Amino acid sequence: MRYIILLLLPLVLEAGSLQKSISLNPEYLKIRVKDGYAHVYYPEAAYFGPKGAPRIPHLSVKYLLPSGAEVTSLEILRVKTVKLPGSYRIYPEQGPVPISIAKQKEFLEPDPVYYSKDTYPEKILVVKRTGNFSGYSIASLVLNPVIYHPKTGEIEFVSEIEFRIDYKVTAPKSLTKKQRQVFGKLVKSMVSNPEDISIFQPGLKSLKSLQDTVEMVIITQSSFAPYFEGLRRWKEEKGIRCEIVSL
């Protein structure tokens, strides 16, 4: 009788954390009351959520993590809020309105499920996803700067928040020097921690991997090969290793 023995080797993961803080200016928060409802505005905010829920602003923030990292948890360390004077009935979320619909959409009343809560939303900061941008790992978070208390009508504004992102690194990427220059510049403009790019950017590909890896091949007749030399050089400048193969 033959036996097959499977040896399961544990996957070694590199774990780490990133501690950051965000400061917001309460003076930028605007509240306009119309027809008994308060409309809350904040610069560069997006508006989405369940229909009938209080329509509050959401801010998208992105943080660069080590290449190949994925967020495992998020912990709020400190929160400072400013309480606004007065009592408000925040306008309910109406949902998206298709452009094709010309007539005015029927008003959706506040949903008691949300307006009977002590606090809305339940979380100030949430992780949306961990994405990969050409080898750079980016954590996308949603910050809810407005804390609404539907029962009392009170509004608090988050002026400061300190938090820690825990992550694990499973499969770090490597890029060419040119790729790091091109994509790194874009990443710096996308994330809130561009100062960390020098330590979190993907590693450089080894000379051997550069020699063995061709990302684009141009196949043409030998008589036409010289005409594609400009395209090959342009692709190389963009960080795409390219070769011309003549028939």
Protein backbone atom coordinates (compact mmCIF):
# COMPACT_ATOMS: atom_id res chain seq x y z
CA MET A 1 0.00 0.00 0.00
CA ARG A 2 1.32 3.40 -0.94
CA TYR A 3 0.77 6.53 1.06
CA ILE A 4 0.91 10.09 -0.20
CA ILE A 5 2.05 12.53 2.44
CA LEU A 6 1.26 16.19 1.90
CA LEU A 7 3.47 18.66 3.70
CA LEU A 8 1.62 21.91 4.28
CA LEU A 9 4.09 24.73 4.67
CA PRO A 10 2.80 27.84 6.43
CA LEU A 11 2.68 31.00 4.37
CA VAL A 12 4.96 33.57 5.91
CA LEU A 13 3.30 36.98 6.01
CA GLU A 14 4.88 40.30 6.82
CA ALA A 15 2.61 42.33 9.09
CA GLY A 16 2.80 45.99 9.91
CA SER A 17 0.81 49.11 10.71
CA LEU A 18 0.49 52.70 9.59
CA GLN A 19 -0.55 55.38 12.07
CA LYS A 20 -1.91 58.64 10.68
CA SER A 21 -4.13 61.58 11.59
CA ILE A 22 -6.50 63.87 9.71
CA SER A 23 -7.42 67.45 10.59
CA LEU A 24 -10.48 69.19 9.14
CA ASN A 25 -11.56 72.82 9.36
CA PRO A 26 -15.06 73.28 10.86
CA GLU A 27 -15.34 76.66 9.14
CA TYR A 28 -15.64 74.90 5.77
CA LEU A 29 -18.80 73.10 6.88
CA LYS A 30 -21.91 74.81 5.54
CA ILE A 31 -25.51 74.17 6.59
CA ARG A 32 -28.43 75.62 4.66
CA VAL A 33 -32.00 75.13 5.84
CA LYS A 34 -34.74 74.89 3.23
CA ASP A 35 -38.34 73.75 3.70
CA GLY A 36 -37.54 72.62 7.22
CA TYR A 37 -34.60 70.40 6.23
CA ALA A 38 -30.90 71.06 6.76
CA HIS A 39 -28.62 70.53 3.77
CA VAL A 40 -25.05 69.83 4.92
CA TYR A 41 -22.12 70.67 2.64
CA TYR A 42 -18.37 70.18 2.86
CA PRO A 43 -15.78 70.81 0.10
CA GLU A 44 -14.83 67.83 -2.11
CA ALA A 45 -17.35 65.59 -0.35
CA ALA A 46 -19.44 62.91 -2.01
CA TYR A 47 -23.05 62.12 -1.15
CA PHE A 48 -24.40 58.59 -1.11
CA GLY A 49 -26.13 56.20 1.24
CA PRO A 50 -29.36 54.30 1.86
CA LYS A 51 -32.52 55.96 0.60
CA GLY A 52 -34.31 57.81 3.37
CA ALA A 53 -31.19 58.06 5.55
CA PRO A 54 -29.76 61.45 6.59
CA ARG A 55 -27.83 62.91 3.66
CA ILE A 56 -24.38 63.60 5.04
CA PRO A 57 -21.02 64.29 3.33
CA HIS A 58 -18.44 61.55 2.83
CA LEU A 59 -14.74 62.19 2.21
CA SER A 60 -12.55 59.78 0.28
CA VAL A 61 -8.99 59.41 1.60
CA LYS A 62 -6.25 57.14 0.29
CA TYR A 63 -3.07 55.90 1.97
CA LEU A 64 -0.07 54.21 0.44
CA LEU A 65 0.92 50.89 2.00
CA PRO A 66 3.89 48.61 1.30
CA SER A 67 3.71 46.90 -2.07
CA GLY A 68 1.56 43.76 -1.87
CA ALA A 69 -0.12 44.83 1.38
CA GLU A 70 -3.77 44.31 2.29
CA VAL A 71 -5.62 45.98 5.16
CA THR A 72 -6.51 43.59 7.98
CA SER A 73 -8.02 46.03 10.48
CA LEU A 74 -8.59 49.69 11.28
CA GLU A 75 -8.50 51.16 14.79
CA ILE A 76 -9.59 54.65 15.80
CA LEU A 77 -7.15 55.99 18.40
CA ARG A 78 -8.47 59.49 19.06
CA VAL A 79 -11.33 61.67 17.87
CA LYS A 80 -11.92 65.38 18.48
CA THR A 81 -15.30 66.85 17.56
CA VAL A 82 -16.92 70.27 17.53
CA LYS A 83 -20.61 70.50 18.46
CA LEU A 84 -22.62 72.86 16.29
CA PRO A 85 -25.20 75.12 17.94
CA GLY A 86 -28.85 74.45 17.21
CA SER A 87 -31.02 71.48 16.32
CA TYR A 88 -31.46 70.23 12.76
CA ARG A 89 -33.54 67.85 10.69
CA ILE A 90 -31.08 66.71 8.02
CA TYR A 91 -32.46 66.24 4.52
CA PRO A 92 -33.06 62.56 3.65
CA GLU A 93 -31.07 60.80 0.93
CA GLN A 94 -33.16 60.61 -2.25
CA GLY A 95 -30.99 58.25 -4.25
CA PRO A 96 -29.61 58.80 -7.77
CA VAL A 97 -31.85 60.43 -10.36
CA PRO A 98 -31.42 59.17 -13.97
CA ILE A 99 -30.74 61.95 -16.47
CA SER A 100 -33.36 60.46 -18.79
CA ILE A 101 -36.12 61.27 -16.28
CA ALA A 102 -37.36 64.79 -17.03
CA LYS A 103 -40.13 65.07 -14.46
CA GLN A 104 -39.40 65.83 -10.82
CA LYS A 105 -38.93 62.79 -8.63
CA GLU A 106 -41.37 62.23 -5.78
CA PHE A 107 -39.92 63.31 -2.44
CA LEU A 108 -38.77 60.42 -0.26
CA GLU A 109 -39.63 60.95 3.40
CA PRO A 110 -37.08 60.32 6.20
CA ASP A 111 -36.84 56.63 7.04
CA PRO A 112 -37.60 56.00 10.76
CA VAL A 113 -35.04 53.19 10.73
CA TYR A 114 -32.28 55.81 10.50
CA TYR A 115 -33.95 58.84 12.08
CA SER A 116 -34.72 56.92 15.28
CA LYS A 117 -31.04 56.13 15.90
CA ASP A 118 -29.01 57.85 18.58
CA THR A 119 -26.11 58.39 16.17
CA TYR A 120 -25.74 58.31 12.39
CA PRO A 121 -23.56 57.05 10.82
CA GLU A 122 -22.38 54.29 13.11
CA LYS A 123 -18.72 54.58 12.05
CA ILE A 124 -16.64 57.69 11.48
CA LEU A 125 -13.95 56.01 9.39
CA VAL A 126 -14.26 52.82 7.34
CA VAL A 127 -12.03 50.87 4.96
CA LYS A 128 -13.54 50.65 1.50
CA ARG A 129 -10.91 48.46 -0.16
CA THR A 130 -7.21 47.85 -0.78
CA GLY A 131 -6.29 48.40 -4.40
CA ASN A 132 -3.24 47.82 -6.56
CA PHE A 133 -2.05 50.61 -8.81
CA SER A 134 0.79 49.33 -10.99
CA GLY A 135 2.44 47.58 -8.05
CA TYR A 136 1.62 50.26 -5.46
CA SER A 137 -0.83 49.15 -2.74
CA ILE A 138 -3.34 51.84 -1.82
CA ALA A 139 -5.90 51.67 0.99
CA SER A 140 -9.12 53.55 0.20
CA LEU A 141 -10.98 54.87 3.24
CA VAL A 142 -14.22 56.80 3.69
CA LEU A 143 -14.28 59.49 6.36
CA ASN A 144 -17.65 60.67 7.66
CA PRO A 145 -16.90 64.12 9.11
CA VAL A 146 -20.48 64.76 10.26
CA ILE A 147 -21.92 62.91 13.26
CA TYR A 148 -25.68 63.37 13.42
CA HIS A 149 -27.91 62.64 16.40
CA PRO A 150 -31.41 62.28 14.86
CA LYS A 151 -33.27 62.08 18.17
CA THR A 152 -31.96 65.43 19.40
CA GLY A 153 -31.10 67.05 16.07
CA GLU A 154 -27.53 67.77 17.23
CA ILE A 155 -24.66 67.80 14.75
CA GLU A 156 -21.01 67.18 15.61
CA PHE A 157 -18.13 67.82 13.25
CA VAL A 158 -14.95 65.73 13.31
CA SER A 159 -12.10 68.24 13.45
CA GLU A 160 -9.36 65.70 14.24
CA ILE A 161 -9.06 61.94 14.03
CA GLU A 162 -6.07 59.69 14.70
CA PHE A 163 -6.11 56.08 13.54
CA ARG A 164 -4.01 53.01 12.80
CA ILE A 165 -4.21 50.80 9.72
CA ASP A 166 -3.00 47.24 10.26
CA TYR A 167 -1.94 45.30 7.18
CA LYS A 168 -0.27 42.14 5.93
CA VAL A 169 2.05 41.81 2.94
CA THR A 170 1.55 38.70 0.83
CA ALA A 171 2.94 39.30 -2.65
CA PRO A 172 5.11 42.41 -3.08
CA LYS A 173 5.61 43.62 -6.64
CA SER A 174 8.73 44.80 -8.43
CA LEU A 175 9.07 47.42 -11.15
CA THR A 176 11.71 48.82 -13.45
CA LYS A 177 13.35 52.07 -12.44
CA LYS A 178 11.44 53.92 -15.15
CA GLN A 179 8.13 52.40 -14.05
CA ARG A 180 8.74 53.55 -10.48
CA GLN A 181 9.44 57.07 -11.69
CA VAL A 182 6.34 57.25 -13.89
CA PHE A 183 3.82 55.53 -11.60
CA GLY A 184 5.35 56.89 -8.40
CA LYS A 185 4.67 60.45 -9.52
CA LEU A 186 1.01 59.60 -10.10
CA VAL A 187 0.69 57.81 -6.76
CA LYS A 188 2.12 60.82 -4.91
CA SER A 189 -0.73 62.94 -6.23
CA MET A 190 -3.34 60.34 -5.22
CA VAL A 191 -2.49 59.52 -1.60
CA SER A 192 -2.49 61.48 1.66
CA ASN A 193 0.96 60.19 2.66
CA PRO A 194 3.28 60.93 -0.29
CA GLU A 195 6.14 61.20 2.20
CA ASP A 196 6.05 57.40 2.64
CA ILE A 197 6.56 56.53 -1.01
CA SER A 198 10.32 56.01 -0.66
CA ILE A 199 9.81 53.21 1.88
CA PHE A 200 6.56 51.71 0.52
CA GLN A 201 7.25 51.73 -3.22
CA PRO A 202 7.72 48.41 -5.07
CA GLY A 203 11.22 46.99 -5.25
CA LEU A 204 13.38 47.19 -8.36
CA LYS A 205 13.41 44.29 -10.77
CA SER A 206 16.68 42.41 -10.86
CA LEU A 207 18.87 42.59 -13.96
CA LYS A 208 18.06 38.97 -14.74
CA SER A 209 14.31 39.54 -14.57
CA LEU A 210 14.67 42.58 -16.80
CA GLN A 211 16.55 40.52 -19.35
CA ASP A 212 14.04 37.69 -19.25
CA THR A 213 10.85 39.76 -19.20
CA VAL A 214 9.46 41.35 -22.35
CA GLU A 215 6.07 43.01 -21.97
CA MET A 216 5.50 43.90 -25.61
CA VAL A 217 6.70 42.31 -28.86
CA ILE A 218 6.39 43.97 -32.27
CA ILE A 219 6.42 41.37 -35.05
CA THR A 220 7.03 42.70 -38.55
CA GLN A 221 8.98 42.11 -41.73
CA SER A 222 12.65 42.99 -41.56
CA SER A 223 12.19 45.77 -44.11
CA PHE A 224 9.65 47.51 -41.86
CA ALA A 225 11.53 47.02 -38.58
CA PRO A 226 13.31 50.42 -38.65
CA TYR A 227 9.95 52.20 -38.84
CA PHE A 228 8.91 50.70 -35.49
CA GLU A 229 12.09 51.73 -33.68
CA GLY A 230 10.52 55.00 -32.55
CA LEU A 231 7.52 53.15 -31.10
CA ARG A 232 9.84 50.73 -29.30
CA ARG A 233 11.84 53.55 -27.71
CA TRP A 234 8.64 55.36 -26.69
CA LYS A 235 7.31 52.22 -24.97
CA GLU A 236 10.64 51.76 -23.16
CA GLU A 237 10.47 55.34 -21.90
CA LYS A 238 7.02 54.57 -20.49
CA GLY A 239 8.47 51.64 -18.54
CA ILE A 240 7.22 48.93 -20.93
CA ARG A 241 9.99 46.59 -22.03
CA CYS A 242 9.56 46.18 -25.78
CA GLU A 243 11.38 44.26 -28.52
CA ILE A 244 11.09 44.06 -32.31
CA VAL A 245 11.08 40.61 -33.89
CA SER A 246 11.73 40.55 -37.64
CA LEU A 247 10.31 37.84 -39.90
